[in-house]
PDB file of all heavy atoms in Angstrom:
ATOM      1  N   VAL A   1     -14.850  12.562 -36.948  1.00  0.00           N
ATOM      2  CA  VAL A   1     -15.958  11.679 -37.437  1.00  0.00           C
ATOM      3  C   VAL A   1     -16.700  11.064 -36.370  1.00  0.00           C
ATOM      4  O   VAL A   1     -16.189  10.814 -35.262  1.00  0.00           O
ATOM      5  CB  VAL A   1     -15.462  10.674 -38.526  1.00  0.00           C
ATOM      6  CG1 VAL A   1     -14.881  11.274 -39.706  1.00  0.00           C
ATOM      7  CG2 VAL A   1     -14.535   9.703 -37.913  1.00  0.00           C
ATOM      8  N   ARG A   2     -17.863  10.571 -36.680  1.00  0.00           N
ATOM      9  CA  ARG A   2     -18.657   9.820 -35.698  1.00  0.00           C
ATOM     10  C   ARG A   2     -18.344   8.210 -35.885  1.00  0.00           C
ATOM     11  O   ARG A   2     -18.138   7.814 -36.949  1.00  0.00           O
ATOM     12  CB  ARG A   2     -20.151  10.093 -35.895  1.00  0.00           C
ATOM     13  CG  ARG A   2     -20.540  11.561 -35.613  1.00  0.00           C
ATOM     14  CD  ARG A   2     -22.122  11.857 -35.701  1.00  0.00           C
ATOM     15  NE  ARG A   2     -22.358  13.201 -35.525  1.00  0.00           N
ATOM     16  CZ  ARG A   2     -22.488  13.835 -34.394  1.00  0.00           C
ATOM     17  NH1 ARG A   2     -22.304  13.144 -33.317  1.00  0.00           N
ATOM     18  NH2 ARG A   2     -22.721  15.138 -34.419  1.00  0.00           N
ATOM     19  N   ALA A   3     -18.587   7.506 -34.782  1.00  0.00           N
ATOM     20  CA  ALA A   3     -18.453   6.151 -34.878  1.00  0.00           C
ATOM     21  C   ALA A   3     -19.349   5.547 -35.989  1.00  0.00           C
ATOM     22  O   ALA A   3     -20.599   5.852 -36.151  1.00  0.00           O
ATOM     23  CB  ALA A   3     -18.841   5.491 -33.567  1.00  0.00           C
ATOM     24  N   GLY A   4     -18.766   4.609 -36.814  1.00  0.00           N
ATOM     25  CA  GLY A   4     -19.495   4.050 -37.912  1.00  0.00           C
ATOM     26  C   GLY A   4     -19.325   4.654 -39.204  1.00  0.00           C
ATOM     27  O   GLY A   4     -19.617   4.091 -40.211  1.00  0.00           O
ATOM     28  N   GLU A   5     -18.686   5.866 -39.128  1.00  0.00           N
ATOM     29  CA  GLU A   5     -18.446   6.635 -40.412  1.00  0.00           C
ATOM     30  C   GLU A   5     -17.135   6.135 -41.082  1.00  0.00           C
ATOM     31  O   GLU A   5     -16.455   5.351 -40.445  1.00  0.00           O
ATOM     32  CB  GLU A   5     -18.483   8.098 -40.197  1.00  0.00           C
ATOM     33  CG  GLU A   5     -19.870   8.685 -39.835  1.00  0.00           C
ATOM     34  CD  GLU A   5     -19.807  10.141 -39.656  1.00  0.00           C
ATOM     35  OE1 GLU A   5     -18.693  10.741 -39.491  1.00  0.00           O
ATOM     36  OE2 GLU A   5     -20.882  10.643 -39.740  1.00  0.00           O
ATOM     37  N   SER A   6     -16.771   6.607 -42.159  1.00  0.00           N
ATOM     38  CA  SER A   6     -15.639   6.302 -42.953  1.00  0.00           C
ATOM     39  C   SER A   6     -14.761   7.500 -43.144  1.00  0.00           C
ATOM     40  O   SER A   6     -15.177   8.635 -43.133  1.00  0.00           O
ATOM     41  CB  SER A   6     -15.908   5.691 -44.320  1.00  0.00           C
ATOM     42  OG  SER A   6     -16.768   4.501 -44.239  1.00  0.00           O
ATOM     43  N   LEU A   7     -13.487   7.268 -43.502  1.00  0.00           N
ATOM     44  CA  LEU A   7     -12.502   8.249 -43.601  1.00  0.00           C
ATOM     45  C   LEU A   7     -11.401   7.704 -44.400  1.00  0.00           C
ATOM     46  O   LEU A   7     -10.975   6.640 -44.256  1.00  0.00           O
ATOM     47  CB  LEU A   7     -11.981   8.850 -42.220  1.00  0.00           C
ATOM     48  CG  LEU A   7     -11.324  10.217 -42.343  1.00  0.00           C
ATOM     49  CD1 LEU A   7     -12.354  11.394 -42.797  1.00  0.00           C
ATOM     50  CD2 LEU A   7     -10.762  10.512 -40.947  1.00  0.00           C
ATOM     51  N   ASP A   8     -10.786   8.504 -45.395  1.00  0.00           N
ATOM     52  CA  ASP A   8      -9.639   8.084 -46.219  1.00  0.00           C
ATOM     53  C   ASP A   8      -8.520   8.947 -45.900  1.00  0.00           C
ATOM     54  O   ASP A   8      -8.651  10.215 -45.865  1.00  0.00           O
ATOM     55  CB  ASP A   8     -10.042   8.220 -47.670  1.00  0.00           C
ATOM     56  CG  ASP A   8     -11.165   7.314 -48.151  1.00  0.00           C
ATOM     57  OD1 ASP A   8     -11.368   6.238 -47.469  1.00  0.00           O
ATOM     58  OD2 ASP A   8     -11.782   7.612 -49.191  1.00  0.00           O
ATOM     59  N   LEU A   9      -7.315   8.417 -45.712  1.00  0.00           N
ATOM     60  CA  LEU A   9      -6.053   9.004 -45.460  1.00  0.00           C
ATOM     61  C   LEU A   9      -5.237   8.779 -46.738  1.00  0.00           C
ATOM     62  O   LEU A   9      -5.244   7.846 -47.403  1.00  0.00           O
ATOM     63  CB  LEU A   9      -5.394   8.514 -44.272  1.00  0.00           C
ATOM     64  CG  LEU A   9      -6.177   8.425 -43.022  1.00  0.00           C
ATOM     65  CD1 LEU A   9      -5.284   7.909 -41.805  1.00  0.00           C
ATOM     66  CD2 LEU A   9      -6.766   9.836 -42.632  1.00  0.00           C
ATOM     67  N   THR A  10      -4.327   9.882 -46.883  1.00  0.00           N
ATOM     68  CA  THR A  10      -3.513   9.939 -48.008  1.00  0.00           C
ATOM     69  C   THR A  10      -1.996  10.238 -47.455  1.00  0.00           C
ATOM     70  O   THR A  10      -1.795  11.102 -46.668  1.00  0.00           O
ATOM     71  CB  THR A  10      -3.743  10.992 -48.996  1.00  0.00           C
ATOM     72  OG1 THR A  10      -5.100  10.690 -49.609  1.00  0.00           O
ATOM     73  CG2 THR A  10      -2.723  10.963 -50.251  1.00  0.00           C
ATOM     74  N   CYS A  11      -1.042   9.449 -47.947  1.00  0.00           N
ATOM     75  CA  CYS A  11       0.386   9.619 -47.746  1.00  0.00           C
ATOM     76  C   CYS A  11       1.173   9.820 -49.037  1.00  0.00           C
ATOM     77  O   CYS A  11       1.050   8.926 -49.910  1.00  0.00           O
ATOM     78  CB  CYS A  11       0.923   8.519 -46.944  1.00  0.00           C
ATOM     79  SG  CYS A  11       2.693   8.619 -46.636  1.00  0.00           S
ATOM     80  N   ARG A  12       1.826  11.015 -49.127  1.00  0.00           N
ATOM     81  CA  ARG A  12       2.630  11.294 -50.369  1.00  0.00           C
ATOM     82  C   ARG A  12       4.076  11.295 -49.975  1.00  0.00           C
ATOM     83  O   ARG A  12       4.521  12.002 -49.033  1.00  0.00           O
ATOM     84  CB  ARG A  12       2.232  12.568 -50.866  1.00  0.00           C
ATOM     85  CG  ARG A  12       0.755  12.541 -51.534  1.00  0.00           C
ATOM     86  CD  ARG A  12       0.399  13.896 -52.185  1.00  0.00           C
ATOM     87  NE  ARG A  12      -0.918  13.678 -53.083  1.00  0.00           N
ATOM     88  CZ  ARG A  12      -2.030  13.766 -52.444  1.00  0.00           C
ATOM     89  NH1 ARG A  12      -2.157  14.213 -51.234  1.00  0.00           N
ATOM     90  NH2 ARG A  12      -3.048  13.753 -53.141  1.00  0.00           N
ATOM     91  N   LEU A  13       4.909  10.450 -50.596  1.00  0.00           N
ATOM     92  CA  LEU A  13       6.261  10.330 -50.384  1.00  0.00           C
ATOM     93  C   LEU A  13       7.156  10.895 -51.621  1.00  0.00           C
ATOM     94  O   LEU A  13       6.619  10.821 -52.686  1.00  0.00           O
ATOM     95  CB  LEU A  13       6.665   8.924 -50.165  1.00  0.00           C
ATOM     96  CG  LEU A  13       5.876   8.074 -49.180  1.00  0.00           C
ATOM     97  CD1 LEU A  13       6.360   6.622 -49.163  1.00  0.00           C
ATOM     98  CD2 LEU A  13       6.141   8.704 -47.765  1.00  0.00           C
ATOM     99  N   SER A  14       8.230  11.547 -51.261  1.00  0.00           N
ATOM    100  CA  SER A  14       9.134  12.015 -52.231  1.00  0.00           C
ATOM    101  C   SER A  14      10.551  11.941 -51.716  1.00  0.00           C
ATOM    102  O   SER A  14      10.708  11.812 -50.510  1.00  0.00           O
ATOM    103  CB  SER A  14       8.680  13.456 -52.624  1.00  0.00           C
ATOM    104  OG  SER A  14       8.755  14.350 -51.517  1.00  0.00           O
ATOM    105  N   GLY A  15      11.474  12.175 -52.569  1.00  0.00           N
ATOM    106  CA  GLY A  15      12.841  12.260 -52.149  1.00  0.00           C
ATOM    107  C   GLY A  15      13.557  10.962 -52.495  1.00  0.00           C
ATOM    108  O   GLY A  15      13.106  10.087 -53.397  1.00  0.00           O
ATOM    109  N   ALA A  16      14.638  10.653 -51.784  1.00  0.00           N
ATOM    110  CA  ALA A  16      15.473   9.451 -51.871  1.00  0.00           C
ATOM    111  C   ALA A  16      14.746   8.253 -51.245  1.00  0.00           C
ATOM    112  O   ALA A  16      14.875   7.977 -50.029  1.00  0.00           O
ATOM    113  CB  ALA A  16      16.799   9.662 -51.311  1.00  0.00           C
ATOM    114  N   ARG A  17      13.996   7.476 -52.098  1.00  0.00           N
ATOM    115  CA  ARG A  17      13.321   6.358 -51.759  1.00  0.00           C
ATOM    116  C   ARG A  17      13.698   5.153 -52.498  1.00  0.00           C
ATOM    117  O   ARG A  17      13.720   5.304 -53.813  1.00  0.00           O
ATOM    118  CB  ARG A  17      11.764   6.703 -51.812  1.00  0.00           C
ATOM    119  CG  ARG A  17      10.988   5.427 -51.576  1.00  0.00           C
ATOM    120  CD  ARG A  17       9.438   5.941 -51.489  1.00  0.00           C
ATOM    121  NE  ARG A  17       8.532   4.847 -51.767  1.00  0.00           N
ATOM    122  CZ  ARG A  17       8.150   4.072 -50.697  1.00  0.00           C
ATOM    123  NH1 ARG A  17       8.713   4.129 -49.549  1.00  0.00           N
ATOM    124  NH2 ARG A  17       7.282   3.080 -50.995  1.00  0.00           N
ATOM    125  N   SER A  18      13.991   4.107 -51.817  1.00  0.00           N
ATOM    126  CA  SER A  18      14.352   2.950 -52.570  1.00  0.00           C
ATOM    127  C   SER A  18      13.171   2.432 -53.473  1.00  0.00           C
ATOM    128  O   SER A  18      12.095   2.313 -52.915  1.00  0.00           O
ATOM    129  CB  SER A  18      14.796   1.776 -51.597  1.00  0.00           C
ATOM    130  OG  SER A  18      14.901   0.539 -52.291  1.00  0.00           O
ATOM    131  N   PRO A  19      13.370   1.976 -54.680  1.00  0.00           N
ATOM    132  CA  PRO A  19      12.343   1.278 -55.341  1.00  0.00           C
ATOM    133  C   PRO A  19      11.884  -0.010 -54.848  1.00  0.00           C
ATOM    134  O   PRO A  19      10.835  -0.510 -55.321  1.00  0.00           O
ATOM    135  CB  PRO A  19      12.965   1.133 -56.813  1.00  0.00           C
ATOM    136  CG  PRO A  19      14.449   1.018 -56.569  1.00  0.00           C
ATOM    137  CD  PRO A  19      14.714   2.062 -55.414  1.00  0.00           C
ATOM    138  N   PHE A  20      12.569  -0.526 -53.933  1.00  0.00           N
ATOM    139  CA  PHE A  20      12.192  -1.811 -53.228  1.00  0.00           C
ATOM    140  C   PHE A  20      11.358  -1.566 -52.014  1.00  0.00           C
ATOM    141  O   PHE A  20      10.885  -2.609 -51.423  1.00  0.00           O
ATOM    142  CB  PHE A  20      13.435  -2.604 -52.903  1.00  0.00           C
ATOM    143  CG  PHE A  20      14.169  -2.892 -54.183  1.00  0.00           C
ATOM    144  CD1 PHE A  20      15.396  -2.282 -54.352  1.00  0.00           C
ATOM    145  CD2 PHE A  20      13.816  -3.926 -54.990  1.00  0.00           C
ATOM    146  CE1 PHE A  20      16.180  -2.582 -55.463  1.00  0.00           C
ATOM    147  CE2 PHE A  20      14.688  -4.174 -56.078  1.00  0.00           C
ATOM    148  CZ  PHE A  20      15.801  -3.576 -56.333  1.00  0.00           C
ATOM    149  N   ASP A  21      11.124  -0.401 -51.591  1.00  0.00           N
ATOM    150  CA  ASP A  21      10.426  -0.010 -50.372  1.00  0.00           C
ATOM    151  C   ASP A  21       8.984  -0.305 -50.599  1.00  0.00           C
ATOM    152  O   ASP A  21       8.220   0.007 -51.578  1.00  0.00           O
ATOM    153  CB  ASP A  21      10.613   1.290 -50.010  1.00  0.00           C
ATOM    154  CG  ASP A  21      11.934   1.477 -49.108  1.00  0.00           C
ATOM    155  OD1 ASP A  21      12.608   0.564 -48.919  1.00  0.00           O
ATOM    156  OD2 ASP A  21      12.169   2.701 -48.759  1.00  0.00           O
ATOM    157  N   GLY A  22       8.373  -0.906 -49.481  1.00  0.00           N
ATOM    158  CA  GLY A  22       6.878  -0.845 -49.429  1.00  0.00           C
ATOM    159  C   GLY A  22       6.503   0.272 -48.504  1.00  0.00           C
ATOM    160  O   GLY A  22       7.214   1.379 -48.524  1.00  0.00           O
ATOM    161  N   ALA A  23       5.429   0.285 -47.788  1.00  0.00           N
ATOM    162  CA  ALA A  23       5.013   1.273 -46.920  1.00  0.00           C
ATOM    163  C   ALA A  23       4.074   0.776 -45.814  1.00  0.00           C
ATOM    164  O   ALA A  23       3.514  -0.303 -46.012  1.00  0.00           O
ATOM    165  CB  ALA A  23       4.315   2.417 -47.724  1.00  0.00           C
ATOM    166  N   GLY A  24       3.996   1.568 -44.766  1.00  0.00           N
ATOM    167  CA  GLY A  24       3.128   1.201 -43.703  1.00  0.00           C
ATOM    168  C   GLY A  24       2.404   2.366 -43.217  1.00  0.00           C
ATOM    169  O   GLY A  24       2.844   3.512 -43.175  1.00  0.00           O
ATOM    170  N   TRP A  25       1.210   2.127 -42.550  1.00  0.00           N
ATOM    171  CA  TRP A  25       0.446   3.111 -41.820  1.00  0.00           C
ATOM    172  C   TRP A  25       0.512   2.774 -40.418  1.00  0.00           C
ATOM    173  O   TRP A  25       0.262   1.515 -40.099  1.00  0.00           O
ATOM    174  CB  TRP A  25      -1.071   3.182 -42.257  1.00  0.00           C
ATOM    175  CG  TRP A  25      -1.237   3.914 -43.569  1.00  0.00           C
ATOM    176  CD1 TRP A  25      -1.426   3.450 -44.789  1.00  0.00           C
ATOM    177  CD2 TRP A  25      -1.386   5.343 -43.664  1.00  0.00           C
ATOM    178  NE1 TRP A  25      -1.669   4.514 -45.680  1.00  0.00           N
ATOM    179  CE2 TRP A  25      -1.576   5.683 -45.017  1.00  0.00           C
ATOM    180  CE3 TRP A  25      -1.385   6.411 -42.673  1.00  0.00           C
ATOM    181  CZ2 TRP A  25      -1.836   6.944 -45.429  1.00  0.00           C
ATOM    182  CZ3 TRP A  25      -1.671   7.667 -43.151  1.00  0.00           C
ATOM    183  CH2 TRP A  25      -1.836   7.906 -44.421  1.00  0.00           C
ATOM    184  N   TYR A  26       0.819   3.646 -39.625  1.00  0.00           N
ATOM    185  CA  TYR A  26       0.963   3.512 -38.123  1.00  0.00           C
ATOM    186  C   TYR A  26      -0.028   4.476 -37.440  1.00  0.00           C
ATOM    187  O   TYR A  26      -0.455   5.461 -37.946  1.00  0.00           O
ATOM    188  CB  TYR A  26       2.262   3.773 -37.674  1.00  0.00           C
ATOM    189  CG  TYR A  26       3.436   2.905 -38.383  1.00  0.00           C
ATOM    190  CD1 TYR A  26       3.822   3.155 -39.668  1.00  0.00           C
ATOM    191  CD2 TYR A  26       4.005   1.824 -37.693  1.00  0.00           C
ATOM    192  CE1 TYR A  26       4.749   2.406 -40.241  1.00  0.00           C
ATOM    193  CE2 TYR A  26       4.924   1.073 -38.366  1.00  0.00           C
ATOM    194  CZ  TYR A  26       5.343   1.423 -39.692  1.00  0.00           C
ATOM    195  OH  TYR A  26       6.204   0.561 -40.270  1.00  0.00           O
ATOM    196  N   ARG A  27      -0.303   4.217 -36.222  1.00  0.00           N
ATOM    197  CA  ARG A  27      -1.131   5.102 -35.402  1.00  0.00           C
ATOM    198  C   ARG A  27      -0.553   5.060 -33.875  1.00  0.00           C
ATOM    199  O   ARG A  27      -0.114   4.175 -33.495  1.00  0.00           O
ATOM    200  CB  ARG A  27      -2.612   4.810 -35.554  1.00  0.00           C
ATOM    201  CG  ARG A  27      -2.988   3.409 -34.713  1.00  0.00           C
ATOM    202  CD  ARG A  27      -4.434   3.206 -35.072  1.00  0.00           C
ATOM    203  NE  ARG A  27      -4.943   2.070 -34.379  1.00  0.00           N
ATOM    204  CZ  ARG A  27      -6.177   1.511 -34.479  1.00  0.00           C
ATOM    205  NH1 ARG A  27      -7.077   2.114 -35.335  1.00  0.00           N
ATOM    206  NH2 ARG A  27      -6.533   0.319 -33.893  1.00  0.00           N
ATOM    207  N   GLN A  28      -0.818   6.320 -33.290  1.00  0.00           N
ATOM    208  CA  GLN A  28      -0.497   6.373 -31.953  1.00  0.00           C
ATOM    209  C   GLN A  28      -1.690   6.985 -31.150  1.00  0.00           C
ATOM    210  O   GLN A  28      -1.919   8.211 -31.231  1.00  0.00           O
ATOM    211  CB  GLN A  28       0.715   7.278 -31.676  1.00  0.00           C
ATOM    212  CG  GLN A  28       1.373   7.376 -30.388  1.00  0.00           C
ATOM    213  CD  GLN A  28       2.650   8.062 -30.233  1.00  0.00           C
ATOM    214  OE1 GLN A  28       3.042   8.789 -31.166  1.00  0.00           O
ATOM    215  NE2 GLN A  28       3.423   7.766 -29.135  1.00  0.00           N
ATOM    216  N   PRO A  29      -2.361   6.199 -30.375  1.00  0.00           N
ATOM    217  CA  PRO A  29      -3.487   6.696 -29.594  1.00  0.00           C
ATOM    218  C   PRO A  29      -2.979   7.493 -28.394  1.00  0.00           C
ATOM    219  O   PRO A  29      -1.784   7.333 -28.063  1.00  0.00           O
ATOM    220  CB  PRO A  29      -4.023   5.352 -29.098  1.00  0.00           C
ATOM    221  CG  PRO A  29      -3.668   4.332 -30.078  1.00  0.00           C
ATOM    222  CD  PRO A  29      -2.378   4.728 -30.414  1.00  0.00           C
ATOM    223  N   PRO A  30      -3.750   8.314 -27.864  1.00  0.00           N
ATOM    224  CA  PRO A  30      -3.330   9.172 -26.741  1.00  0.00           C
ATOM    225  C   PRO A  30      -2.806   8.381 -25.646  1.00  0.00           C
ATOM    226  O   PRO A  30      -3.528   7.406 -25.225  1.00  0.00           O
ATOM    227  CB  PRO A  30      -4.608   9.895 -26.266  1.00  0.00           C
ATOM    228  CG  PRO A  30      -5.440  10.054 -27.622  1.00  0.00           C
ATOM    229  CD  PRO A  30      -5.101   8.655 -28.287  1.00  0.00           C
ATOM    230  N   GLY A  31      -1.528   8.620 -25.205  1.00  0.00           N
ATOM    231  CA  GLY A  31      -1.035   7.882 -23.996  1.00  0.00           C
ATOM    232  C   GLY A  31      -0.493   6.517 -24.382  1.00  0.00           C
ATOM    233  O   GLY A  31      -0.111   5.801 -23.465  1.00  0.00           O
ATOM    234  N   LYS A  32      -0.391   6.058 -25.585  1.00  0.00           N
ATOM    235  CA  LYS A  32      -0.012   4.804 -25.962  1.00  0.00           C
ATOM    236  C   LYS A  32       1.120   4.886 -26.989  1.00  0.00           C
ATOM    237  O   LYS A  32       1.476   5.906 -27.512  1.00  0.00           O
ATOM    238  CB  LYS A  32      -1.231   4.019 -26.480  1.00  0.00           C
ATOM    239  CG  LYS A  32      -2.273   3.825 -25.503  1.00  0.00           C
ATOM    240  CD  LYS A  32      -3.432   2.905 -26.084  1.00  0.00           C
ATOM    241  CE  LYS A  32      -4.460   2.742 -25.103  1.00  0.00           C
ATOM    242  NZ  LYS A  32      -5.607   1.737 -25.658  1.00  0.00           N
ATOM    243  N   GLN A  33       1.627   3.678 -27.225  1.00  0.00           N
ATOM    244  CA  GLN A  33       2.850   3.548 -28.207  1.00  0.00           C
ATOM    245  C   GLN A  33       2.251   3.566 -29.642  1.00  0.00           C
ATOM    246  O   GLN A  33       1.228   3.247 -29.896  1.00  0.00           O
ATOM    247  CB  GLN A  33       3.557   2.272 -27.894  1.00  0.00           C
ATOM    248  CG  GLN A  33       4.221   2.356 -26.508  1.00  0.00           C
ATOM    249  CD  GLN A  33       5.206   3.329 -26.347  1.00  0.00           C
ATOM    250  OE1 GLN A  33       6.066   3.578 -27.133  1.00  0.00           O
ATOM    251  NE2 GLN A  33       5.190   3.940 -25.149  1.00  0.00           N
ATOM    252  N   ARG A  34       3.186   3.936 -30.429  1.00  0.00           N
ATOM    253  CA  ARG A  34       2.862   3.959 -31.927  1.00  0.00           C
ATOM    254  C   ARG A  34       2.772   2.420 -32.296  1.00  0.00           C
ATOM    255  O   ARG A  34       3.554   1.593 -31.904  1.00  0.00           O
ATOM    256  CB  ARG A  34       3.912   4.561 -32.739  1.00  0.00           C
ATOM    257  CG  ARG A  34       3.668   4.616 -34.229  1.00  0.00           C
ATOM    258  CD  ARG A  34       4.778   5.228 -34.979  1.00  0.00           C
ATOM    259  NE  ARG A  34       4.821   6.675 -34.831  1.00  0.00           N
ATOM    260  CZ  ARG A  34       5.668   7.525 -34.239  1.00  0.00           C
ATOM    261  NH1 ARG A  34       6.716   6.853 -33.543  1.00  0.00           N
ATOM    262  NH2 ARG A  34       5.554   8.754 -34.122  1.00  0.00           N
ATOM    263  N   GLU A  35       1.818   2.055 -33.142  1.00  0.00           N
ATOM    264  CA  GLU A  35       1.579   0.741 -33.698  1.00  0.00           C
ATOM    265  C   GLU A  35       1.281   0.707 -35.086  1.00  0.00           C
ATOM    266  O   GLU A  35       0.745   1.558 -35.720  1.00  0.00           O
ATOM    267  CB  GLU A  35       0.296   0.120 -32.855  1.00  0.00           C
ATOM    268  CG  GLU A  35      -0.884   0.816 -33.078  1.00  0.00           C
ATOM    269  CD  GLU A  35      -2.136   0.266 -32.370  1.00  0.00           C
ATOM    270  OE1 GLU A  35      -1.934  -0.779 -31.688  1.00  0.00           O
ATOM    271  OE2 GLU A  35      -3.219   0.782 -32.447  1.00  0.00           O
ATOM    272  N   LEU A  36       1.801  -0.446 -35.642  1.00  0.00           N
ATOM    273  CA  LEU A  36       1.523  -0.624 -37.074  1.00  0.00           C
ATOM    274  C   LEU A  36       0.083  -1.118 -37.315  1.00  0.00           C
ATOM    275  O   LEU A  36      -0.240  -2.116 -36.635  1.00  0.00           O
ATOM    276  CB  LEU A  36       2.519  -1.693 -37.604  1.00  0.00           C
ATOM    277  CG  LEU A  36       2.393  -2.099 -39.091  1.00  0.00           C
ATOM    278  CD1 LEU A  36       2.679  -1.006 -40.046  1.00  0.00           C
ATOM    279  CD2 LEU A  36       3.289  -3.253 -39.446  1.00  0.00           C
ATOM    280  N   VAL A  37      -0.594  -0.515 -38.283  1.00  0.00           N
ATOM    281  CA  VAL A  37      -1.977  -0.913 -38.435  1.00  0.00           C
ATOM    282  C   VAL A  37      -2.196  -1.573 -39.887  1.00  0.00           C
ATOM    283  O   VAL A  37      -3.047  -2.414 -40.057  1.00  0.00           O
ATOM    284  CB  VAL A  37      -2.961   0.255 -38.274  1.00  0.00           C
ATOM    285  CG1 VAL A  37      -3.037   0.678 -36.909  1.00  0.00           C
ATOM    286  CG2 VAL A  37      -2.767   1.296 -39.231  1.00  0.00           C
ATOM    287  N   ALA A  38      -1.310  -1.221 -40.810  1.00  0.00           N
ATOM    288  CA  ALA A  38      -1.365  -1.790 -42.093  1.00  0.00           C
ATOM    289  C   ALA A  38      -0.142  -1.610 -42.905  1.00  0.00           C
ATOM    290  O   ALA A  38       0.622  -0.566 -42.643  1.00  0.00           O
ATOM    291  CB  ALA A  38      -2.546  -1.136 -42.864  1.00  0.00           C
ATOM    292  N   SER A  39       0.126  -2.458 -43.768  1.00  0.00           N
ATOM    293  CA  SER A  39       1.392  -2.285 -44.612  1.00  0.00           C
ATOM    294  C   SER A  39       1.107  -2.988 -45.881  1.00  0.00           C
ATOM    295  O   SER A  39       0.277  -3.903 -46.119  1.00  0.00           O
ATOM    296  CB  SER A  39       2.593  -3.054 -43.937  1.00  0.00           C
ATOM    297  OG  SER A  39       2.322  -4.543 -43.810  1.00  0.00           O
TER     298      SER A  39
END
């Protein structure tokens, strides 16, 4: 996308998952460490 535009991401989970779990979105820029962006 171009700067200023929007984009939607989807995460689908399945399997053995605790009903008490939340979730987080992380990202890893090129050459950098993975970081938490939203939870």
